[in-house]
Protein backbone atom coordinates (compact mmCIF):
# COMPACT_ATOMS: atom_id res chain seq x y z
CA UNK A 1 0.00 0.00 0.00
CA UNK A 2 1.24 3.49 -0.84
CA UNK A 3 0.01 7.04 -0.45
CA UNK A 4 0.51 10.08 -2.63
CA UNK A 5 0.02 13.76 -1.90
CA UNK A 6 -0.53 15.65 -5.14
CA UNK A 7 -1.35 19.09 -6.46
CA UNK A 8 -2.50 19.83 -10.01
CA UNK A 9 -1.79 23.29 -11.41
CA UNK A 10 -3.51 24.31 -14.66
CA UNK A 11 -1.28 26.84 -16.44
CA UNK A 12 -2.85 30.04 -17.75
CA UNK A 13 -6.43 28.82 -17.30
CA UNK A 14 -9.04 31.27 -16.05
CA UNK A 15 -11.26 28.34 -14.99
CA UNK A 16 -8.53 26.48 -13.07
CA UNK A 17 -10.89 25.41 -10.23
CA UNK A 18 -13.19 23.68 -12.72
CA UNK A 19 -10.27 21.86 -14.34
CA UNK A 20 -8.98 20.64 -10.97
CA UNK A 21 -12.43 19.49 -9.79
CA UNK A 22 -13.05 17.60 -13.03
CA UNK A 23 -9.63 15.92 -12.85
CA UNK A 24 -10.21 14.80 -9.25
CA UNK A 25 -13.45 13.04 -10.26
CA UNK A 26 -11.40 10.31 -11.97
CA UNK A 27 -10.40 9.14 -8.49
CA UNK A 28 -14.00 8.09 -7.82
CA UNK A 29 -13.60 5.13 -10.17
CA UNK A 30 -9.91 4.43 -9.53
CA UNK A 31 -10.27 2.00 -6.61
CA UNK A 32 -8.37 4.27 -4.19
CA UNK A 33 -9.17 6.21 -1.04
CA UNK A 34 -8.64 9.96 -1.31
CA UNK A 35 -9.13 13.19 0.60
CA UNK A 36 -9.29 16.58 -1.11
CA UNK A 37 -7.76 19.45 0.83
CA UNK A 38 -7.55 23.15 0.12
CA UNK A 39 -4.07 22.88 -1.43
CA UNK A 40 -3.58 19.21 -2.26
CA UNK A 41 -5.21 15.80 -2.51
CA UNK A 42 -4.00 12.69 -0.70
CA UNK A 43 -4.55 9.32 -2.39
CA UNK A 44 -4.01 5.91 -0.76
CA UNK A 45 -4.38 2.34 -1.93
CA UNK A 46 -2.80 -0.59 -3.67
CA UNK A 47 0.44 0.40 -5.38
CA UNK A 48 -0.77 -0.18 -8.94
CA UNK A 49 -4.12 1.51 -8.28
CA UNK A 50 -2.46 4.65 -6.87
CA UNK A 51 0.03 4.93 -9.73
CA UNK A 52 -2.77 4.50 -12.28
CA UNK A 53 -5.03 6.95 -10.43
CA UNK A 54 -2.35 9.64 -10.46
CA UNK A 55 -1.72 9.06 -14.16
CA UNK A 56 -5.45 9.26 -14.90
CA UNK A 57 -5.78 12.48 -12.91
CA UNK A 58 -2.86 14.02 -14.80
CA UNK A 59 -4.27 12.95 -18.16
CA UNK A 60 -7.70 14.36 -17.26
CA UNK A 61 -6.14 17.73 -16.41
CA UNK A 62 -3.82 17.70 -19.41
CA UNK A 63 -6.80 17.00 -21.63
CA UNK A 64 -8.03 20.50 -20.78
CA UNK A 65 -4.73 22.32 -21.41
CA UNK A 66 -1.29 22.80 -19.94
CA UNK A 67 -0.82 21.52 -16.39
CA UNK A 68 1.87 20.85 -13.81
CA UNK A 69 1.43 17.96 -11.36
CA UNK A 70 3.48 17.87 -8.16
CA UNK A 71 3.35 14.52 -6.37
CA UNK A 72 5.01 12.98 -3.32
CA UNK A 73 4.74 9.20 -2.88
CA UNK A 74 5.28 7.22 0.31
CA UNK A 75 5.04 3.65 1.51
CA UNK A 76 5.46 4.83 5.10
CA UNK A 77 2.88 7.60 5.56
CA UNK A 78 -0.73 6.44 5.71
CA UNK A 79 -3.59 8.82 5.01
CA UNK A 80 -4.69 10.76 8.10
CA UNK A 81 -7.94 9.02 9.16
CA UNK A 82 -9.77 12.29 9.93
C-alpha atoms as a PDB file:
ATOM      1  CA  UNK A   1       0.000   0.000   0.000  1.00  0.00           C
ATOM      2  CA  UNK A   2       1.236   3.494  -0.838  1.00  0.00           C
ATOM      3  CA  UNK A   3       0.008   7.039  -0.454  1.00  0.00           C
ATOM      4  CA  UNK A   4       0.509  10.084  -2.630  1.00  0.00           C
ATOM      5  CA  UNK A   5       0.022  13.761  -1.896  1.00  0.00           C
ATOM      6  CA  UNK A   6      -0.535  15.648  -5.141  1.00  0.00           C
ATOM      7  CA  UNK A   7      -1.353  19.085  -6.458  1.00  0.00           C
ATOM      8  CA  UNK A   8      -2.502  19.835 -10.005  1.00  0.00           C
ATOM      9  CA  UNK A   9      -1.790  23.293 -11.406  1.00  0.00           C
ATOM     10  CA  UNK A  10      -3.511  24.310 -14.662  1.00  0.00           C
ATOM     11  CA  UNK A  11      -1.284  26.840 -16.435  1.00  0.00           C
ATOM     12  CA  UNK A  12      -2.848  30.040 -17.746  1.00  0.00           C
ATOM     13  CA  UNK A  13      -6.428  28.816 -17.304  1.00  0.00           C
ATOM     14  CA  UNK A  14      -9.036  31.270 -16.048  1.00  0.00           C
ATOM     15  CA  UNK A  15     -11.260  28.341 -14.985  1.00  0.00           C
ATOM     16  CA  UNK A  16      -8.533  26.475 -13.073  1.00  0.00           C
ATOM     17  CA  UNK A  17     -10.891  25.409 -10.234  1.00  0.00           C
ATOM     18  CA  UNK A  18     -13.193  23.684 -12.716  1.00  0.00           C
ATOM     19  CA  UNK A  19     -10.272  21.860 -14.335  1.00  0.00           C
ATOM     20  CA  UNK A  20      -8.981  20.635 -10.965  1.00  0.00           C
ATOM     21  CA  UNK A  21     -12.428  19.493  -9.787  1.00  0.00           C
ATOM     22  CA  UNK A  22     -13.051  17.598 -13.029  1.00  0.00           C
ATOM     23  CA  UNK A  23      -9.627  15.915 -12.851  1.00  0.00           C
ATOM     24  CA  UNK A  24     -10.213  14.796  -9.248  1.00  0.00           C
ATOM     25  CA  UNK A  25     -13.452  13.041 -10.259  1.00  0.00           C
ATOM     26  CA  UNK A  26     -11.401  10.314 -11.973  1.00  0.00           C
ATOM     27  CA  UNK A  27     -10.395   9.144  -8.488  1.00  0.00           C
ATOM     28  CA  UNK A  28     -14.005   8.086  -7.821  1.00  0.00           C
ATOM     29  CA  UNK A  29     -13.598   5.129 -10.166  1.00  0.00           C
ATOM     30  CA  UNK A  30      -9.910   4.426  -9.529  1.00  0.00           C
ATOM     31  CA  UNK A  31     -10.271   2.004  -6.612  1.00  0.00           C
ATOM     32  CA  UNK A  32      -8.368   4.266  -4.192  1.00  0.00           C
ATOM     33  CA  UNK A  33      -9.166   6.211  -1.043  1.00  0.00           C
ATOM     34  CA  UNK A  34      -8.643   9.955  -1.311  1.00  0.00           C
ATOM     35  CA  UNK A  35      -9.128  13.187   0.597  1.00  0.00           C
ATOM     36  CA  UNK A  36      -9.285  16.576  -1.114  1.00  0.00           C
ATOM     37  CA  UNK A  37      -7.762  19.449   0.826  1.00  0.00           C
ATOM     38  CA  UNK A  38      -7.551  23.154   0.120  1.00  0.00           C
ATOM     39  CA  UNK A  39      -4.068  22.878  -1.431  1.00  0.00           C
ATOM     40  CA  UNK A  40      -3.581  19.205  -2.255  1.00  0.00           C
ATOM     41  CA  UNK A  41      -5.214  15.803  -2.511  1.00  0.00           C
ATOM     42  CA  UNK A  42      -4.000  12.687  -0.701  1.00  0.00           C
ATOM     43  CA  UNK A  43      -4.550   9.321  -2.387  1.00  0.00           C
ATOM     44  CA  UNK A  44      -4.011   5.913  -0.758  1.00  0.00           C
ATOM     45  CA  UNK A  45      -4.380   2.340  -1.932  1.00  0.00           C
ATOM     46  CA  UNK A  46      -2.798  -0.591  -3.672  1.00  0.00           C
ATOM     47  CA  UNK A  47       0.444   0.404  -5.380  1.00  0.00           C
ATOM     48  CA  UNK A  48      -0.771  -0.181  -8.942  1.00  0.00           C
ATOM     49  CA  UNK A  49      -4.122   1.514  -8.275  1.00  0.00           C
ATOM     50  CA  UNK A  50      -2.459   4.653  -6.869  1.00  0.00           C
ATOM     51  CA  UNK A  51       0.034   4.932  -9.731  1.00  0.00           C
ATOM     52  CA  UNK A  52      -2.770   4.501 -12.282  1.00  0.00           C
ATOM     53  CA  UNK A  53      -5.030   6.949 -10.433  1.00  0.00           C
ATOM     54  CA  UNK A  54      -2.346   9.638 -10.464  1.00  0.00           C
ATOM     55  CA  UNK A  55      -1.716   9.060 -14.161  1.00  0.00           C
ATOM     56  CA  UNK A  56      -5.449   9.258 -14.903  1.00  0.00           C
ATOM     57  CA  UNK A  57      -5.781  12.481 -12.910  1.00  0.00           C
ATOM     58  CA  UNK A  58      -2.855  14.018 -14.799  1.00  0.00           C
ATOM     59  CA  UNK A  59      -4.272  12.946 -18.158  1.00  0.00           C
ATOM     60  CA  UNK A  60      -7.695  14.361 -17.260  1.00  0.00           C
ATOM     61  CA  UNK A  61      -6.144  17.725 -16.406  1.00  0.00           C
ATOM     62  CA  UNK A  62      -3.824  17.703 -19.409  1.00  0.00           C
ATOM     63  CA  UNK A  63      -6.798  17.001 -21.633  1.00  0.00           C
ATOM     64  CA  UNK A  64      -8.029  20.501 -20.782  1.00  0.00           C
ATOM     65  CA  UNK A  65      -4.728  22.322 -21.413  1.00  0.00           C
ATOM     66  CA  UNK A  66      -1.286  22.805 -19.941  1.00  0.00           C
ATOM     67  CA  UNK A  67      -0.825  21.518 -16.388  1.00  0.00           C
ATOM     68  CA  UNK A  68       1.866  20.850 -13.806  1.00  0.00           C
ATOM     69  CA  UNK A  69       1.425  17.960 -11.363  1.00  0.00           C
ATOM     70  CA  UNK A  70       3.479  17.874  -8.161  1.00  0.00           C
ATOM     71  CA  UNK A  71       3.346  14.516  -6.368  1.00  0.00           C
ATOM     72  CA  UNK A  72       5.012  12.981  -3.316  1.00  0.00           C
ATOM     73  CA  UNK A  73       4.739   9.202  -2.881  1.00  0.00           C
ATOM     74  CA  UNK A  74       5.283   7.222   0.308  1.00  0.00           C
ATOM     75  CA  UNK A  75       5.042   3.648   1.508  1.00  0.00           C
ATOM     76  CA  UNK A  76       5.464   4.833   5.101  1.00  0.00           C
ATOM     77  CA  UNK A  77       2.882   7.603   5.556  1.00  0.00           C
ATOM     78  CA  UNK A  78      -0.732   6.438   5.714  1.00  0.00           C
ATOM     79  CA  UNK A  79      -3.589   8.824   5.007  1.00  0.00           C
ATOM     80  CA  UNK A  80      -4.688  10.761   8.098  1.00  0.00           C
ATOM     81  CA  UNK A  81      -7.943   9.016   9.162  1.00  0.00           C
ATOM     82  CA  UNK A  82      -9.772  12.295   9.934  1.00  0.00           C
END
